[in-house]
């Protein structure tokens, strides 16, 4: 199902931390589409977007340890989480009854090392009822395609909405 400007309000779009970070901190060209998407979120044009509690933690972790020219202070990051993420997103966690299955899926999908964190984010997106996951790391979420979740970059989602 393609997301259009008419269907965007009804679509269940899940934002990965990579898109949230690039939408909140201007890294130049790589932030153009994420910033545009977060502008649409602020205008409530994407319905009730979703993210994971893990993405909030990752956003805080990365934003407060970036190189100095991009780094945010902990208070500023906390404020952005409150004013942007908590105010506009439905934040989800993996339900306890899905936790053991996460490891079964990870084994089936050949996940190892740090990729388990992306697998958990994907499992949260599926459990939250997302239809599309938007990320800057598309290849990390390829296994989700077999579970019926569309995986797009911010630029791809923005292009679909513009149609």
Protein backbone atom coordinates (compact mmCIF):
# COMPACT_ATOMS: atom_id res chain seq x y z
CA UNK A 1 0.00 0.00 0.00
CA UNK A 2 1.50 3.30 -1.07
CA UNK A 3 1.21 6.25 1.27
CA UNK A 4 -0.34 9.27 -0.42
CA UNK A 5 -1.25 12.67 0.94
CA UNK A 6 -4.85 11.43 1.20
CA UNK A 7 -3.99 8.17 2.99
CA UNK A 8 -1.13 9.50 5.12
CA UNK A 9 -3.45 10.26 8.02
CA UNK A 10 -4.69 6.67 8.12
CA UNK A 11 -1.34 4.95 7.45
CA UNK A 12 0.57 3.54 10.38
CA UNK A 13 4.09 4.91 9.82
CA UNK A 14 6.84 3.89 12.24
CA UNK A 15 9.97 6.08 12.53
CA UNK A 16 13.35 4.53 13.29
CA UNK A 17 15.81 6.50 15.42
CA UNK A 18 18.01 7.26 12.39
CA UNK A 19 15.19 9.30 10.82
CA UNK A 20 14.27 10.96 14.10
CA UNK A 21 17.88 12.00 14.70
CA UNK A 22 18.36 13.36 11.16
CA UNK A 23 15.04 15.17 11.43
CA UNK A 24 15.97 16.90 14.67
CA UNK A 25 19.62 17.69 13.93
CA UNK A 26 20.50 19.23 10.57
CA UNK A 27 23.33 17.14 9.11
CA UNK A 28 22.98 18.78 5.69
CA UNK A 29 21.70 16.86 2.66
CA UNK A 30 20.99 13.67 4.61
CA UNK A 31 18.58 15.61 6.85
CA UNK A 32 16.44 17.21 4.12
CA UNK A 33 13.83 14.42 3.84
CA UNK A 34 13.75 13.58 7.58
CA UNK A 35 13.22 17.28 8.45
CA UNK A 36 10.41 17.49 5.88
CA UNK A 37 8.77 14.38 7.37
CA UNK A 38 8.98 15.74 10.92
CA UNK A 39 7.46 19.00 9.66
CA UNK A 40 4.53 16.95 8.33
CA UNK A 41 4.30 15.13 11.66
CA UNK A 42 4.15 18.49 13.48
CA UNK A 43 1.34 19.58 11.13
CA UNK A 44 -0.41 16.26 11.89
CA UNK A 45 -0.34 15.23 8.23
CA UNK A 46 0.90 11.71 9.02
CA UNK A 47 -1.81 10.73 11.45
CA UNK A 48 -0.43 9.21 14.63
CA UNK A 49 3.15 8.22 13.77
CA UNK A 50 4.79 5.47 15.78
CA UNK A 51 8.23 4.88 17.25
CA UNK A 52 9.82 2.66 19.88
CA UNK A 53 10.98 3.46 23.38
CA UNK A 54 14.31 1.99 22.26
CA UNK A 55 14.46 4.65 19.51
CA UNK A 56 13.99 7.35 22.16
CA UNK A 57 16.86 5.92 24.17
CA UNK A 58 19.04 5.65 21.08
CA UNK A 59 18.20 9.22 20.07
CA UNK A 60 19.24 10.49 23.51
CA UNK A 61 22.42 8.41 23.47
CA UNK A 62 23.56 9.45 20.00
CA UNK A 63 22.51 13.12 20.16
CA UNK A 64 24.46 13.69 23.37
CA UNK A 65 27.67 12.09 22.08
CA UNK A 66 27.87 13.37 18.49
CA UNK A 67 30.89 15.41 17.36
CA UNK A 68 30.84 18.81 19.04
CA UNK A 69 29.39 20.72 16.06
CA UNK A 70 26.25 18.55 16.14
CA UNK A 71 26.09 17.43 19.77
CA UNK A 72 23.10 18.38 21.87
CA UNK A 73 23.19 18.82 25.61
CA UNK A 74 21.23 16.36 27.70
CA UNK A 75 18.68 19.06 28.69
CA UNK A 76 18.18 20.08 25.04
CA UNK A 77 17.76 16.46 23.98
CA UNK A 78 15.27 15.88 26.78
CA UNK A 79 13.30 18.95 25.64
CA UNK A 80 13.21 17.72 22.02
CA UNK A 81 12.02 14.30 23.15
CA UNK A 82 9.21 15.93 25.12
CA UNK A 83 8.20 18.57 22.56
CA UNK A 84 8.58 16.54 19.37
CA UNK A 85 8.55 12.82 20.05
CA UNK A 86 6.30 12.45 23.10
CA UNK A 87 3.95 15.20 21.87
CA UNK A 88 3.46 13.81 18.34
CA UNK A 89 4.34 10.11 18.33
CA UNK A 90 2.83 7.03 19.86
CA UNK A 91 5.81 5.41 21.63
CA UNK A 92 5.76 1.61 21.92
CA UNK A 93 7.75 -1.16 23.55
CA UNK A 94 7.88 -4.86 22.76
CA UNK A 95 5.07 -6.64 24.61
CA UNK A 96 6.39 -9.21 27.11
CA UNK A 97 4.65 -12.07 25.29
CA UNK A 98 6.63 -11.23 22.08
CA UNK A 99 10.10 -11.13 23.67
CA UNK A 100 10.99 -14.83 23.36
CA UNK A 101 9.74 -14.89 19.75
CA UNK A 102 12.16 -12.06 18.94
CA UNK A 103 15.08 -14.42 19.45
CA UNK A 104 13.43 -17.15 17.36
CA UNK A 105 12.98 -14.65 14.53
CA UNK A 106 16.57 -13.42 14.96
CA UNK A 107 17.88 -16.96 14.56
CA UNK A 108 15.67 -17.56 11.50
CA UNK A 109 16.81 -14.25 9.97
CA UNK A 110 20.52 -14.84 10.69
CA UNK A 111 20.74 -11.85 13.03
CA UNK A 112 23.80 -11.55 15.24
CA UNK A 113 25.65 -8.90 17.18
CA UNK A 114 24.26 -5.39 17.35
CA UNK A 115 21.66 -6.10 14.67
CA UNK A 116 19.51 -7.56 17.46
CA UNK A 117 18.65 -3.95 18.38
CA UNK A 118 17.24 -3.30 14.90
CA UNK A 119 15.42 -6.64 15.05
CA UNK A 120 13.82 -5.52 18.31
CA UNK A 121 12.81 -2.16 16.80
CA UNK A 122 11.28 -4.02 13.86
CA UNK A 123 9.40 -6.35 16.19
CA UNK A 124 8.04 -3.33 18.06
CA UNK A 125 6.89 -1.80 14.76
CA UNK A 126 5.07 -5.01 13.82
CA UNK A 127 3.51 -5.37 17.29
CA UNK A 128 2.37 -1.71 17.17
CA UNK A 129 0.53 -2.33 13.90
CA UNK A 130 2.81 -0.30 11.66
CA UNK A 131 2.36 -0.64 7.91
CA UNK A 132 5.56 1.17 6.96
CA UNK A 133 8.89 1.56 8.75
CA UNK A 134 10.91 4.59 7.69
CA UNK A 135 14.64 4.39 8.33
CA UNK A 136 18.03 5.59 7.21
CA UNK A 137 19.33 2.00 7.46
CA UNK A 138 17.05 0.12 5.08
CA UNK A 139 19.21 -3.01 4.81
CA UNK A 140 19.04 -3.49 8.60
CA UNK A 141 15.29 -4.06 8.31
CA UNK A 142 15.02 -6.28 5.22
CA UNK A 143 13.71 -9.26 7.28
CA UNK A 144 10.60 -7.18 8.03
CA UNK A 145 9.54 -7.44 4.40
CA UNK A 146 8.70 -11.11 5.02
CA UNK A 147 6.46 -10.03 7.87
CA UNK A 148 4.41 -7.71 5.65
CA UNK A 149 5.97 -4.43 6.76
CA UNK A 150 7.10 -1.97 4.10
CA UNK A 151 10.58 -0.54 4.68
CA UNK A 152 11.30 2.86 3.13
CA UNK A 153 13.86 5.62 3.46
CA UNK A 154 12.67 9.07 4.47
CA UNK A 155 13.20 10.25 0.90
CA UNK A 156 11.11 7.37 -0.49
CA UNK A 157 8.25 8.04 1.92
CA UNK A 158 8.34 11.74 1.17
CA UNK A 159 8.19 10.99 -2.58
CA UNK A 160 5.14 8.75 -2.05
CA UNK A 161 3.36 11.40 0.01
CA UNK A 162 4.02 14.04 -2.65
CA UNK A 163 2.24 12.00 -5.34
